[in-house]
Amino acid sequence: MKLITAIIRESKLDQVREALIEAEITRITVSRVSGHGRQIEENIYRGNKVIPNLIPKIRLEIAVNDEFVKITCDTIINAARGKGQESIGDGKIFITPLEQCIRLRTGETGGVAI
């Protein structure tokens, strides 16, 4: 089992969600977050460097069984990528091992609980 965490542009949420549903990945958690990566721009104001505020982003968390990791990542990449192949600020995907999953309603554990 893996936990896939994706940070994407706010404007891409609907496209990514629809693409995930098409790929039969329907269980996701969505959070609004703020941050910046390399897309940060410095402005000069009265002779001082000013760094703009954090940029609003969307964080998706998706718990999947191992056989769905590649499908999930490819779907997110294809739906979230900007017009250019290397558009700065498109986001990131993090894949971490998921030690255990427990469904509260039934008590099921492991891959069947996902």
PDB file of N, CA and C in Angstrom:
ATOM      1  N   MET A   1       0.837  -1.178   0.000  1.00  0.00           N
ATOM      2  CA  MET A   1       0.000   0.000   0.000  1.00  0.00           C
ATOM      3  C   MET A   1       0.880   1.238   0.000  1.00  0.00           C
ATOM      4  N   LYS A   2       0.406   2.265  -0.684  1.00  0.00           N
ATOM      5  CA  LYS A   2       1.143   3.532  -0.775  1.00  0.00           C
ATOM      6  C   LYS A   2       0.187   4.686  -0.530  1.00  0.00           C
ATOM      7  N   LEU A   3       0.738   5.790  -0.044  1.00  0.00           N
ATOM      8  CA  LEU A   3      -0.002   7.035   0.072  1.00  0.00           C
ATOM      9  C   LEU A   3       0.576   7.990  -0.957  1.00  0.00           C
ATOM     10  N   ILE A   4      -0.242   8.404  -1.890  1.00  0.00           N
ATOM     11  CA  ILE A   4       0.182   9.338  -2.923  1.00  0.00           C
ATOM     12  C   ILE A   4      -0.314  10.720  -2.519  1.00  0.00           C
ATOM     13  N   THR A   5       0.622  11.650  -2.384  1.00  0.00           N
ATOM     14  CA  THR A   5       0.302  13.034  -2.054  1.00  0.00           C
ATOM     15  C   THR A   5       0.701  13.881  -3.239  1.00  0.00           C
ATOM     16  N   ALA A   6      -0.255  14.604  -3.799  1.00  0.00           N
ATOM     17  CA  ALA A   6       0.015  15.460  -4.952  1.00  0.00           C
ATOM     18  C   ALA A   6      -0.328  16.894  -4.596  1.00  0.00           C
ATOM     19  N   ILE A   7       0.579  17.808  -4.935  1.00  0.00           N
ATOM     20  CA  ILE A   7       0.348  19.236  -4.788  1.00  0.00           C
ATOM     21  C   ILE A   7       0.173  19.785  -6.204  1.00  0.00           C
ATOM     22  N   ILE A   8      -0.996  20.355  -6.482  1.00  0.00           N
ATOM     23  CA  ILE A   8      -1.297  20.826  -7.833  1.00  0.00           C
ATOM     24  C   ILE A   8      -1.844  22.254  -7.793  1.00  0.00           C
ATOM     25  N   ARG A   9      -1.948  22.869  -8.965  1.00  0.00           N
ATOM     26  CA  ARG A   9      -2.552  24.196  -9.086  1.00  0.00           C
ATOM     27  C   ARG A   9      -4.055  24.091  -8.768  1.00  0.00           C
ATOM     28  N   GLU A  10      -4.581  25.158  -8.161  1.00  0.00           N
ATOM     29  CA  GLU A  10      -6.026  25.183  -7.866  1.00  0.00           C
ATOM     30  C   GLU A  10      -6.864  25.016  -9.132  1.00  0.00           C
ATOM     31  N   SER A  11      -6.426  25.632 -10.200  1.00  0.00           N
ATOM     32  CA  SER A  11      -7.195  25.612 -11.442  1.00  0.00           C
ATOM     33  C   SER A  11      -7.266  24.226 -12.085  1.00  0.00           C
ATOM     34  N   LYS A  12      -6.435  23.302 -11.657  1.00  0.00           N
ATOM     35  CA  LYS A  12      -6.387  21.962 -12.252  1.00  0.00           C
ATOM     36  C   LYS A  12      -7.183  20.925 -11.460  1.00  0.00           C
ATOM     37  N   LEU A  13      -7.782  21.317 -10.342  1.00  0.00           N
ATOM     38  CA  LEU A  13      -8.468  20.341  -9.485  1.00  0.00           C
ATOM     39  C   LEU A  13      -9.565  19.594 -10.226  1.00  0.00           C
ATOM     40  N   ASP A  14     -10.446  20.298 -10.913  1.00  0.00           N
ATOM     41  CA  ASP A  14     -11.550  19.622 -11.605  1.00  0.00           C
ATOM     42  C   ASP A  14     -11.049  18.660 -12.670  1.00  0.00           C
ATOM     43  N   GLN A  15     -10.038  19.079 -13.440  1.00  0.00           N
ATOM     44  CA  GLN A  15      -9.480  18.207 -14.482  1.00  0.00           C
ATOM     45  C   GLN A  15      -8.878  16.949 -13.869  1.00  0.00           C
ATOM     46  N   VAL A  16      -8.118  17.113 -12.793  1.00  0.00           N
ATOM     47  CA  VAL A  16      -7.468  15.968 -12.153  1.00  0.00           C
ATOM     48  C   VAL A  16      -8.517  15.036 -11.550  1.00  0.00           C
ATOM     49  N   ARG A  17      -9.502  15.605 -10.869  1.00  0.00           N
ATOM     50  CA  ARG A  17     -10.545  14.781 -10.239  1.00  0.00           C
ATOM     51  C   ARG A  17     -11.320  13.988 -11.283  1.00  0.00           C
ATOM     52  N   GLU A  18     -11.689  14.628 -12.375  1.00  0.00           N
ATOM     53  CA  GLU A  18     -12.417  13.930 -13.439  1.00  0.00           C
ATOM     54  C   GLU A  18     -11.562  12.830 -14.071  1.00  0.00           C
ATOM     55  N   ALA A  19     -10.279  13.109 -14.271  1.00  0.00           N
ATOM     56  CA  ALA A  19      -9.377  12.098 -14.848  1.00  0.00           C
ATOM     57  C   ALA A  19      -9.220  10.908 -13.901  1.00  0.00           C
ATOM     58  N   LEU A  20      -9.128  11.176 -12.586  1.00  0.00           N
ATOM     59  CA  LEU A  20      -9.014  10.086 -11.612  1.00  0.00           C
ATOM     60  C   LEU A  20     -10.283   9.226 -11.611  1.00  0.00           C
ATOM     61  N   ILE A  21     -11.439   9.862 -11.688  1.00  0.00           N
ATOM     62  CA  ILE A  21     -12.698   9.112 -11.723  1.00  0.00           C
ATOM     63  C   ILE A  21     -12.756   8.242 -12.974  1.00  0.00           C
ATOM     64  N   GLU A  22     -12.306   8.784 -14.116  1.00  0.00           N
ATOM     65  CA  GLU A  22     -12.251   8.006 -15.365  1.00  0.00           C
ATOM     66  C   GLU A  22     -11.341   6.790 -15.227  1.00  0.00           C
ATOM     67  N   ALA A  23     -10.259   6.950 -14.448  1.00  0.00           N
ATOM     68  CA  ALA A  23      -9.313   5.849 -14.235  1.00  0.00           C
ATOM     69  C   ALA A  23      -9.762   4.936 -13.089  1.00  0.00           C
ATOM     70  N   GLU A  24     -11.008   5.136 -12.622  1.00  0.00           N
ATOM     71  CA  GLU A  24     -11.614   4.331 -11.556  1.00  0.00           C
ATOM     72  C   GLU A  24     -10.917   4.484 -10.216  1.00  0.00           C
ATOM     73  N   ILE A  25     -10.380   5.680  -9.973  1.00  0.00           N
ATOM     74  CA  ILE A  25      -9.796   6.018  -8.670  1.00  0.00           C
ATOM     75  C   ILE A  25     -10.712   7.081  -8.084  1.00  0.00           C
ATOM     76  N   THR A  26     -11.552   6.658  -7.144  1.00  0.00           N
ATOM     77  CA  THR A  26     -12.625   7.542  -6.677  1.00  0.00           C
ATOM     78  C   THR A  26     -12.471   7.992  -5.230  1.00  0.00           C
ATOM     79  N   ARG A  27     -11.539   7.438  -4.504  1.00  0.00           N
ATOM     80  CA  ARG A  27     -11.405   7.786  -3.087  1.00  0.00           C
ATOM     81  C   ARG A  27     -10.214   8.721  -2.901  1.00  0.00           C
ATOM     82  N   ILE A  28     -10.503  10.016  -2.756  1.00  0.00           N
ATOM     83  CA  ILE A  28      -9.438  10.996  -2.586  1.00  0.00           C
ATOM     84  C   ILE A  28      -9.788  11.946  -1.453  1.00  0.00           C
ATOM     85  N   THR A  29      -8.765  12.568  -0.898  1.00  0.00           N
ATOM     86  CA  THR A  29      -8.933  13.622   0.084  1.00  0.00           C
ATOM     87  C   THR A  29      -8.317  14.883  -0.499  1.00  0.00           C
ATOM     88  N   VAL A  30      -9.034  15.998  -0.411  1.00  0.00           N
ATOM     89  CA  VAL A  30      -8.586  17.260  -0.994  1.00  0.00           C
ATOM     90  C   VAL A  30      -8.464  18.304   0.113  1.00  0.00           C
ATOM     91  N   SER A  31      -7.340  19.021   0.136  1.00  0.00           N
ATOM     92  CA  SER A  31      -7.116  20.099   1.100  1.00  0.00           C
ATOM     93  C   SER A  31      -6.593  21.318   0.359  1.00  0.00           C
ATOM     94  N   ARG A  32      -6.935  22.485   0.855  1.00  0.00           N
ATOM     95  CA  ARG A  32      -6.367  23.728   0.326  1.00  0.00           C
ATOM     96  C   ARG A  32      -5.131  24.051   1.149  1.00  0.00           C
ATOM     97  N   VAL A  33      -4.020  24.287   0.465  1.00  0.00           N
ATOM     98  CA  VAL A  33      -2.748  24.596   1.123  1.00  0.00           C
ATOM     99  C   VAL A  33      -2.106  25.802   0.435  1.00  0.00           C
ATOM    100  N   SER A  34      -1.042  26.312   1.022  1.00  0.00           N
ATOM    101  CA  SER A  34      -0.296  27.417   0.425  1.00  0.00           C
ATOM    102  C   SER A  34       1.181  27.067   0.441  1.00  0.00           C
ATOM    103  N   GLY A  35       1.909  27.576  -0.538  1.00  0.00           N
ATOM    104  CA  GLY A  35       3.340  27.322  -0.589  1.00  0.00           C
ATOM    105  C   GLY A  35       3.940  27.939  -1.833  1.00  0.00           C
ATOM    106  N   HIS A  36       5.208  27.682  -2.009  1.00  0.00           N
ATOM    107  CA  HIS A  36       5.863  28.098  -3.243  1.00  0.00           C
ATOM    108  C   HIS A  36       7.075  27.229  -3.466  1.00  0.00           C
ATOM    109  N   GLY A  37       7.409  27.103  -4.712  1.00  0.00           N
ATOM    110  CA  GLY A  37       8.585  26.344  -5.116  1.00  0.00           C
ATOM    111  C   GLY A  37       9.471  27.253  -5.930  1.00  0.00           C
ATOM    112  N   ARG A  38       9.885  26.783  -7.086  1.00  0.00           N
ATOM    113  CA  ARG A  38      10.760  27.587  -7.943  1.00  0.00           C
ATOM    114  C   ARG A  38      10.035  28.709  -8.661  1.00  0.00           C
ATOM    115  N   GLN A  39       8.700  28.717  -8.648  1.00  0.00           N
ATOM    116  CA  GLN A  39       7.988  29.752  -9.379  1.00  0.00           C
ATOM    117  C   GLN A  39       7.981  31.084  -8.641  1.00  0.00           C
ATOM    118  N   ILE A  40       8.629  31.164  -7.484  1.00  0.00           N
ATOM    119  CA  ILE A  40       8.662  32.403  -6.707  1.00  0.00           C
ATOM    120  C   ILE A  40       9.387  33.500  -7.483  1.00  0.00           C
ATOM    121  N   GLU A  41       8.829  34.685  -7.460  1.00  0.00           N
ATOM    122  CA  GLU A  41       9.431  35.827  -8.136  1.00  0.00           C
ATOM    123  C   GLU A  41       9.751  36.896  -7.103  1.00  0.00           C
ATOM    124  N   GLU A  42      10.888  37.545  -7.255  1.00  0.00           N
ATOM    125  CA  GLU A  42      11.256  38.633  -6.363  1.00  0.00           C
ATOM    126  C   GLU A  42      10.925  39.955  -7.043  1.00  0.00           C
ATOM    127  N   ASN A  43      10.372  40.863  -6.288  1.00  0.00           N
ATOM    128  CA  ASN A  43      10.096  42.200  -6.781  1.00  0.00           C
ATOM    129  C   ASN A  43      10.958  43.182  -5.995  1.00  0.00           C
ATOM    130  N   ILE A  44      11.271  44.291  -6.602  1.00  0.00           N
ATOM    131  CA  ILE A  44      12.014  45.349  -5.918  1.00  0.00           C
ATOM    132  C   ILE A  44      11.028  46.447  -5.552  1.00  0.00           C
ATOM    133  N   TYR A  45      10.928  46.761  -4.262  1.00  0.00           N
ATOM    134  CA  TYR A  45      10.041  47.815  -3.795  1.00  0.00           C
ATOM    135  C   TYR A  45      10.858  48.749  -2.909  1.00  0.00           C
ATOM    136  N   ARG A  46      11.010  49.989  -3.359  1.00  0.00           N
ATOM    137  CA  ARG A  46      11.792  51.002  -2.642  1.00  0.00           C
ATOM    138  C   ARG A  46      13.200  50.505  -2.320  1.00  0.00           C
ATOM    139  N   GLY A  47      13.781  49.821  -3.297  1.00  0.00           N
ATOM    140  CA  GLY A  47      15.164  49.379  -3.162  1.00  0.00           C
ATOM    141  C   GLY A  47      15.348  48.083  -2.388  1.00  0.00           C
ATOM    142  N   ASN A  48      14.276  47.502  -1.869  1.00  0.00           N
ATOM    143  CA  ASN A  48      14.369  46.245  -1.116  1.00  0.00           C
ATOM    144  C   ASN A  48      13.743  45.113  -1.915  1.00  0.00           C
ATOM    145  N   LYS A  49      14.318  43.925  -1.783  1.00  0.00           N
ATOM    146  CA  LYS A  49      13.725  42.751  -2.414  1.00  0.00           C
ATOM    147  C   LYS A  49      12.499  42.341  -1.598  1.00  0.00           C
ATOM    148  N   VAL A  50      11.387  42.149  -2.299  1.00  0.00           N
ATOM    149  CA  VAL A  50      10.146  41.740  -1.653  1.00  0.00           C
ATOM    150  C   VAL A  50       9.711  40.422  -2.284  1.00  0.00           C
ATOM    151  N   ILE A  51       9.475  39.433  -1.437  1.00  0.00           N
ATOM    152  CA  ILE A  51       9.010  38.134  -1.919  1.00  0.00           C
ATOM    153  C   ILE A  51       7.501  38.076  -1.723  1.00  0.00           C
ATOM    154  N   PRO A  52       6.756  37.777  -2.791  1.00  0.00           N
ATOM    155  CA  PRO A  52       5.295  37.764  -2.671  1.00  0.00           C
ATOM    156  C   PRO A  52       4.806  36.683  -1.707  1.00  0.00           C
ATOM    157  N   ASN A  53       3.539  36.785  -1.372  1.00  0.00           N
ATOM    158  CA  ASN A  53       2.922  35.823  -0.451  1.00  0.00           C
ATOM    159  C   ASN A  53       2.953  34.408  -1.009  1.00  0.00           C
ATOM    160  N   LEU A  54       2.624  33.471  -0.149  1.00  0.00           N
ATOM    161  CA  LEU A  54       2.545  32.078  -0.570  1.00  0.00           C
ATOM    162  C   LEU A  54       1.421  31.908  -1.588  1.00  0.00           C
ATOM    163  N   ILE A  55       1.608  30.961  -2.480  1.00  0.00           N
ATOM    164  CA  ILE A  55       0.666  30.731  -3.574  1.00  0.00           C
ATOM    165  C   ILE A  55      -0.322  29.637  -3.162  1.00  0.00           C
ATOM    166  N   PRO A  56      -1.632  29.873  -3.365  1.00  0.00           N
ATOM    167  CA  PRO A  56      -2.612  28.840  -3.022  1.00  0.00           C
ATOM    168  C   PRO A  56      -2.460  27.628  -3.934  1.00  0.00           C
ATOM    169  N   LYS A  57      -2.511  26.445  -3.340  1.00  0.00           N
ATOM    170  CA  LYS A  57      -2.402  25.181  -4.067  1.00  0.00           C
ATOM    171  C   LYS A  57      -3.448  24.215  -3.532  1.00  0.00           C
ATOM    172  N   ILE A  58      -3.558  23.066  -4.169  1.00  0.00           N
ATOM    173  CA  ILE A  58      -4.439  21.987  -3.735  1.00  0.00           C
ATOM    174  C   ILE A  58      -3.577  20.771  -3.407  1.00  0.00           C
ATOM    175  N   ARG A  59      -3.880  20.128  -2.286  1.00  0.00           N
ATOM    176  CA  ARG A  59      -3.174  18.906  -1.885  1.00  0.00           C
ATOM    177  C   ARG A  59      -4.152  17.744  -1.976  1.00  0.00           C
ATOM    178  N   LEU A  60      -3.798  16.751  -2.778  1.00  0.00           N
ATOM    179  CA  LEU A  60      -4.590  15.529  -2.909  1.00  0.00           C
ATOM    180  C   LEU A  60      -3.873  14.412  -2.165  1.00  0.00           C
ATOM    181  N   GLU A  61      -4.617  13.639  -1.403  1.00  0.00           N
ATOM    182  CA  GLU A  61      -4.054  12.453  -0.751  1.00  0.00           C
ATOM    183  C   GLU A  61      -4.891  11.260  -1.180  1.00  0.00           C
ATOM    184  N   ILE A  62      -4.196  10.254  -1.700  1.00  0.00           N
ATOM    185  CA  ILE A  62      -4.874   9.080  -2.229  1.00  0.00           C
ATOM    186  C   ILE A  62      -4.149   7.837  -1.731  1.00  0.00           C
ATOM    187  N   ALA A  63      -4.835   7.009  -0.982  1.00  0.00           N
ATOM    188  CA  ALA A  63      -4.279   5.733  -0.535  1.00  0.00           C
ATOM    189  C   ALA A  63      -4.624   4.684  -1.590  1.00  0.00           C
ATOM    190  N   VAL A  64      -3.604   3.978  -2.077  1.00  0.00           N
ATOM    191  CA  VAL A  64      -3.826   2.981  -3.124  1.00  0.00           C
ATOM    192  C   VAL A  64      -3.054   1.704  -2.819  1.00  0.00           C
ATOM    193  N   ASN A  65      -3.541   0.611  -3.390  1.00  0.00           N
ATOM    194  CA  ASN A  65      -2.769  -0.624  -3.364  1.00  0.00           C
ATOM    195  C   ASN A  65      -1.651  -0.494  -4.390  1.00  0.00           C
ATOM    196  N   ASP A  66      -0.613  -1.281  -4.230  1.00  0.00           N
ATOM    197  CA  ASP A  66       0.596  -1.136  -5.044  1.00  0.00           C
ATOM    198  C   ASP A  66       0.337  -1.171  -6.546  1.00  0.00           C
ATOM    199  N   GLU A  67      -0.625  -1.970  -6.990  1.00  0.00           N
ATOM    200  CA  GLU A  67      -0.864  -2.076  -8.430  1.00  0.00           C
ATOM    201  C   GLU A  67      -1.503  -0.822  -9.029  1.00  0.00           C
ATOM    202  N   PHE A  68      -1.987   0.107  -8.203  1.00  0.00           N
ATOM    203  CA  PHE A  68      -2.611   1.335  -8.700  1.00  0.00           C
ATOM    204  C   PHE A  68      -1.705   2.557  -8.633  1.00  0.00           C
ATOM    205  N   VAL A  69      -0.470   2.401  -8.152  1.00  0.00           N
ATOM    206  CA  VAL A  69       0.427   3.548  -7.995  1.00  0.00           C
ATOM    207  C   VAL A  69       0.739   4.199  -9.335  1.00  0.00           C
ATOM    208  N   LYS A  70       1.159   3.413 -10.315  1.00  0.00           N
ATOM    209  CA  LYS A  70       1.537   3.974 -11.614  1.00  0.00           C
ATOM    210  C   LYS A  70       0.335   4.606 -12.318  1.00  0.00           C
ATOM    211  N   ILE A  71      -0.797   3.941 -12.295  1.00  0.00           N
ATOM    212  CA  ILE A  71      -2.003   4.471 -12.937  1.00  0.00           C
ATOM    213  C   ILE A  71      -2.385   5.817 -12.320  1.00  0.00           C
ATOM    214  N   THR A  72      -2.351   5.881 -10.989  1.00  0.00           N
ATOM    215  CA  THR A  72      -2.729   7.106 -10.286  1.00  0.00           C
ATOM    216  C   THR A  72      -1.771   8.242 -10.618  1.00  0.00           C
ATOM    217  N   CYS A  73      -0.481   7.973 -10.541  1.00  0.00           N
ATOM    218  CA  CYS A  73       0.520   9.015 -10.827  1.00  0.00           C
ATOM    219  C   CYS A  73       0.448   9.487 -12.269  1.00  0.00           C
ATOM    220  N   ASP A  74       0.343   8.563 -13.207  1.00  0.00           N
ATOM    221  CA  ASP A  74       0.251   8.946 -14.624  1.00  0.00           C
ATOM    222  C   ASP A  74      -0.990   9.793 -14.884  1.00  0.00           C
ATOM    223  N   THR A  75      -2.101   9.449 -14.261  1.00  0.00           N
ATOM    224  CA  THR A  75      -3.339  10.198 -14.434  1.00  0.00           C
ATOM    225  C   THR A  75      -3.191  11.622 -13.910  1.00  0.00           C
ATOM    226  N   ILE A  76      -2.602  11.762 -12.726  1.00  0.00           N
ATOM    227  CA  ILE A  76      -2.403  13.095 -12.146  1.00  0.00           C
ATOM    228  C   ILE A  76      -1.463  13.917 -13.025  1.00  0.00           C
ATOM    229  N   ILE A  77      -0.371  13.316 -13.463  1.00  0.00           N
ATOM    230  CA  ILE A  77       0.606  14.028 -14.295  1.00  0.00           C
ATOM    231  C   ILE A  77      -0.041  14.529 -15.580  1.00  0.00           C
ATOM    232  N   ASN A  78      -0.773  13.661 -16.260  1.00  0.00           N
ATOM    233  CA  ASN A  78      -1.387  14.042 -17.533  1.00  0.00           C
ATOM    234  C   ASN A  78      -2.458  15.117 -17.366  1.00  0.00           C
ATOM    235  N   ALA A  79      -3.193  15.092 -16.271  1.00  0.00           N
ATOM    236  CA  ALA A  79      -4.270  16.065 -16.069  1.00  0.00           C
ATOM    237  C   ALA A  79      -3.780  17.380 -15.477  1.00  0.00           C
ATOM    238  N   ALA A  80      -2.714  17.340 -14.689  1.00  0.00           N
ATOM    239  CA  ALA A  80      -2.271  18.544 -13.969  1.00  0.00           C
ATOM    240  C   ALA A  80      -1.187  19.324 -14.697  1.00  0.00           C
ATOM    241  N   ARG A  81      -0.544  18.704 -15.655  1.00  0.00           N
ATOM    242  CA  ARG A  81       0.559  19.367 -16.360  1.00  0.00           C
ATOM    243  C   ARG A  81       0.047  20.563 -17.145  1.00  0.00           C
ATOM    244  N   GLY A  82       0.843  21.634 -17.130  1.00  0.00           N
ATOM    245  CA  GLY A  82       0.488  22.856 -17.862  1.00  0.00           C
ATOM    246  C   GLY A  82       0.609  22.662 -19.359  1.00  0.00           C
ATOM    247  N   LYS A  83       0.404  23.730 -20.089  1.00  0.00           N
ATOM    248  CA  LYS A  83       0.441  23.662 -21.555  1.00  0.00           C
ATOM    249  C   LYS A  83       1.802  23.247 -22.069  1.00  0.00           C
ATOM    250  N   GLY A  84       2.877  23.802 -21.485  1.00  0.00           N
ATOM    251  CA  GLY A  84       4.223  23.389 -21.871  1.00  0.00           C
ATOM    252  C   GLY A  84       4.608  22.137 -21.113  1.00  0.00           C
ATOM    253  N   GLN A  85       5.511  21.370 -21.658  1.00  0.00           N
ATOM    254  CA  GLN A  85       5.922  20.129 -20.991  1.00  0.00           C
ATOM    255  C   GLN A  85       6.648  20.398 -19.677  1.00  0.00           C
ATOM    256  N   GLU A  86       7.248  21.576 -19.525  1.00  0.00           N
ATOM    257  CA  GLU A  86       8.010  21.874 -18.316  1.00  0.00           C
ATOM    258  C   GLU A  86       7.565  23.193 -17.718  1.00  0.00           C
ATOM    259  N   SER A  87       6.298  23.301 -17.398  1.00  0.00           N
ATOM    260  CA  SER A  87       5.742  24.530 -16.848  1.00  0.00           C
ATOM    261  C   SER A  87       6.039  24.604 -15.348  1.00  0.00           C
ATOM    262  N   ILE A  88       6.779  25.626 -14.932  1.00  0.00           N
ATOM    263  CA  ILE A  88       7.128  25.775 -13.515  1.00  0.00           C
ATOM    264  C   ILE A  88       5.855  26.048 -12.727  1.00  0.00           C
ATOM    265  N   GLY A  89       5.698  25.354 -11.593  1.00  0.00           N
ATOM    266  CA  GLY A  89       4.545  25.553 -10.733  1.00  0.00           C
ATOM    267  C   GLY A  89       3.427  24.551 -10.936  1.00  0.00           C
ATOM    268  N   ASP A  90       3.634  23.553 -11.796  1.00  0.00           N
ATOM    269  CA  ASP A  90       2.591  22.543 -12.013  1.00  0.00           C
ATOM    270  C   ASP A  90       2.342  21.709 -10.763  1.00  0.00           C
ATOM    271  N   GLY A  91       3.370  21.475  -9.958  1.00  0.00           N
ATOM    272  CA  GLY A  91       3.179  20.732  -8.717  1.00  0.00           C
ATOM    273  C   GLY A  91       4.169  19.607  -8.542  1.00  0.00           C
ATOM    274  N   LYS A  92       3.880  18.763  -7.559  1.00  0.00           N
ATOM    275  CA  LYS A  92       4.742  17.629  -7.216  1.00  0.00           C
ATOM    276  C   LYS A  92       3.876  16.449  -6.797  1.00  0.00           C
ATOM    277  N   ILE A  93       4.433  15.260  -6.888  1.00  0.00           N
ATOM    278  CA  ILE A  93       3.801  14.044  -6.375  1.00  0.00           C
ATOM    279  C   ILE A  93       4.793  13.369  -5.451  1.00  0.00           C
ATOM    280  N   PHE A  94       4.316  12.990  -4.270  1.00  0.00           N
ATOM    281  CA  PHE A  94       5.133  12.265  -3.299  1.00  0.00           C
ATOM    282  C   PHE A  94       4.482  10.905  -3.064  1.00  0.00           C
ATOM    283  N   ILE A  95       5.287   9.853  -3.071  1.00  0.00           N
ATOM    284  CA  ILE A  95       4.782   8.505  -2.832  1.00  0.00           C
ATOM    285  C   ILE A  95       5.467   7.968  -1.579  1.00  0.00           C
ATOM    286  N   THR A  96       4.664   7.637  -0.580  1.00  0.00           N
ATOM    287  CA  THR A  96       5.220   7.133   0.676  1.00  0.00           C
ATOM    288  C   THR A  96       4.583   5.787   1.014  1.00  0.00           C
ATOM    289  N   PRO A  97       5.335   4.922   1.683  1.00  0.00           N
ATOM    290  CA  PRO A  97       4.763   3.640   2.099  1.00  0.00           C
ATOM    291  C   PRO A  97       3.630   3.868   3.103  1.00  0.00           C
ATOM    292  N   LEU A  98       2.614   3.079   3.002  1.00  0.00           N
ATOM    293  CA  LEU A  98       1.481   3.146   3.916  1.00  0.00           C
ATOM    294  C   LEU A  98       1.485   1.864   4.728  1.00  0.00           C
ATOM    295  N   GLU A  99       1.796   1.998   5.989  1.00  0.00           N
ATOM    296  CA  GLU A  99       1.979   0.820   6.842  1.00  0.00           C
ATOM    297  C   GLU A  99       0.679   0.072   7.091  1.00  0.00           C
ATOM    298  N   GLN A 100      -0.395   0.798   7.357  1.00  0.00           N
ATOM    299  CA  GLN A 100      -1.654   0.144   7.690  1.00  0.00           C
ATOM    300  C   GLN A 100      -2.819   1.051   7.334  1.00  0.00           C
ATOM    301  N   CYS A 101      -3.932   0.450   6.997  1.00  0.00           N
ATOM    302  CA  CYS A 101      -5.177   1.170   6.742  1.00  0.00           C
ATOM    303  C   CYS A 101      -6.277   0.402   7.456  1.00  0.00           C
ATOM    304  N   ILE A 102      -7.115   1.126   8.183  1.00  0.00           N
ATOM    305  CA  ILE A 102      -8.214   0.491   8.923  1.00  0.00           C
ATOM    306  C   ILE A 102      -9.508   1.222   8.589  1.00  0.00           C
ATOM    307  N   ARG A 103     -10.498   0.488   8.137  1.00  0.00           N
ATOM    308  CA  ARG A 103     -11.817   1.078   7.883  1.00  0.00           C
ATOM    309  C   ARG A 103     -12.573   1.071   9.206  1.00  0.00           C
ATOM    310  N   LEU A 104     -12.931   2.243   9.682  1.00  0.00           N
ATOM    311  CA  LEU A 104     -13.574   2.375  10.989  1.00  0.00           C
ATOM    312  C   LEU A 104     -14.925   1.663  11.057  1.00  0.00           C
ATOM    313  N   ARG A 105     -15.708   1.780  10.011  1.00  0.00           N
ATOM    314  CA  ARG A 105     -17.056   1.217  10.012  1.00  0.00           C
ATOM    315  C   ARG A 105     -17.056  -0.290  10.215  1.00  0.00           C
ATOM    316  N   THR A 106     -16.153  -1.015   9.514  1.00  0.00           N
ATOM    317  CA  THR A 106     -16.175  -2.480   9.534  1.00  0.00           C
ATOM    318  C   THR A 106     -15.014  -3.107  10.290  1.00  0.00           C
ATOM    319  N   GLY A 107     -13.966  -2.331  10.525  1.00  0.00           N
ATOM    320  CA  GLY A 107     -12.784  -2.892  11.163  1.00  0.00           C
ATOM    321  C   GLY A 107     -11.851  -3.597  10.199  1.00  0.00           C
ATOM    322  N   GLU A 108     -12.162  -3.565   8.892  1.00  0.00           N
ATOM    323  CA  GLU A 108     -11.285  -4.193   7.900  1.00  0.00           C
ATOM    324  C   GLU A 108      -9.936  -3.516   7.916  1.00  0.00           C
ATOM    325  N   THR A 109      -8.885  -4.287   7.615  1.00  0.00           N
ATOM    326  CA  THR A 109      -7.532  -3.729   7.609  1.00  0.00           C
ATOM    327  C   THR A 109      -6.828  -4.068   6.304  1.00  0.00           C
ATOM    328  N   GLY A 110      -5.740  -3.331   6.047  1.00  0.00           N
ATOM    329  CA  GLY A 110      -4.918  -3.606   4.876  1.00  0.00           C
ATOM    330  C   GLY A 110      -5.538  -3.116   3.593  1.00  0.00           C
ATOM    331  N   GLY A 111      -5.175  -3.775   2.501  1.00  0.00           N
ATOM    332  CA  GLY A 111      -5.593  -3.366   1.164  1.00  0.00           C
ATOM    333  C   GLY A 111      -7.096  -3.383   0.939  1.00  0.00           C
ATOM    334  N   VAL A 112      -7.815  -4.255   1.622  1.00  0.00           N
ATOM    335  CA  VAL A 112      -9.272  -4.302   1.428  1.00  0.00           C
ATOM    336  C   VAL A 112      -9.953  -3.083   2.063  1.00  0.00           C
ATOM    337  N   ALA A 113      -9.291  -2.437   3.021  1.00  0.00           N
ATOM    338  CA  ALA A 113      -9.868  -1.259   3.670  1.00  0.00           C
ATOM    339  C   ALA A 113      -9.741  -0.020   2.793  1.00  0.00           C
ATOM    340  N   ILE A 114      -8.850  -0.053   1.816  1.00  0.00           N
ATOM    341  CA  ILE A 114      -8.683   1.089   0.930  1.00  0.00           C
ATOM    342  C   ILE A 114      -9.849   1.146  -0.016  1.00  0.00           C
TER     343      ILE A 114
END
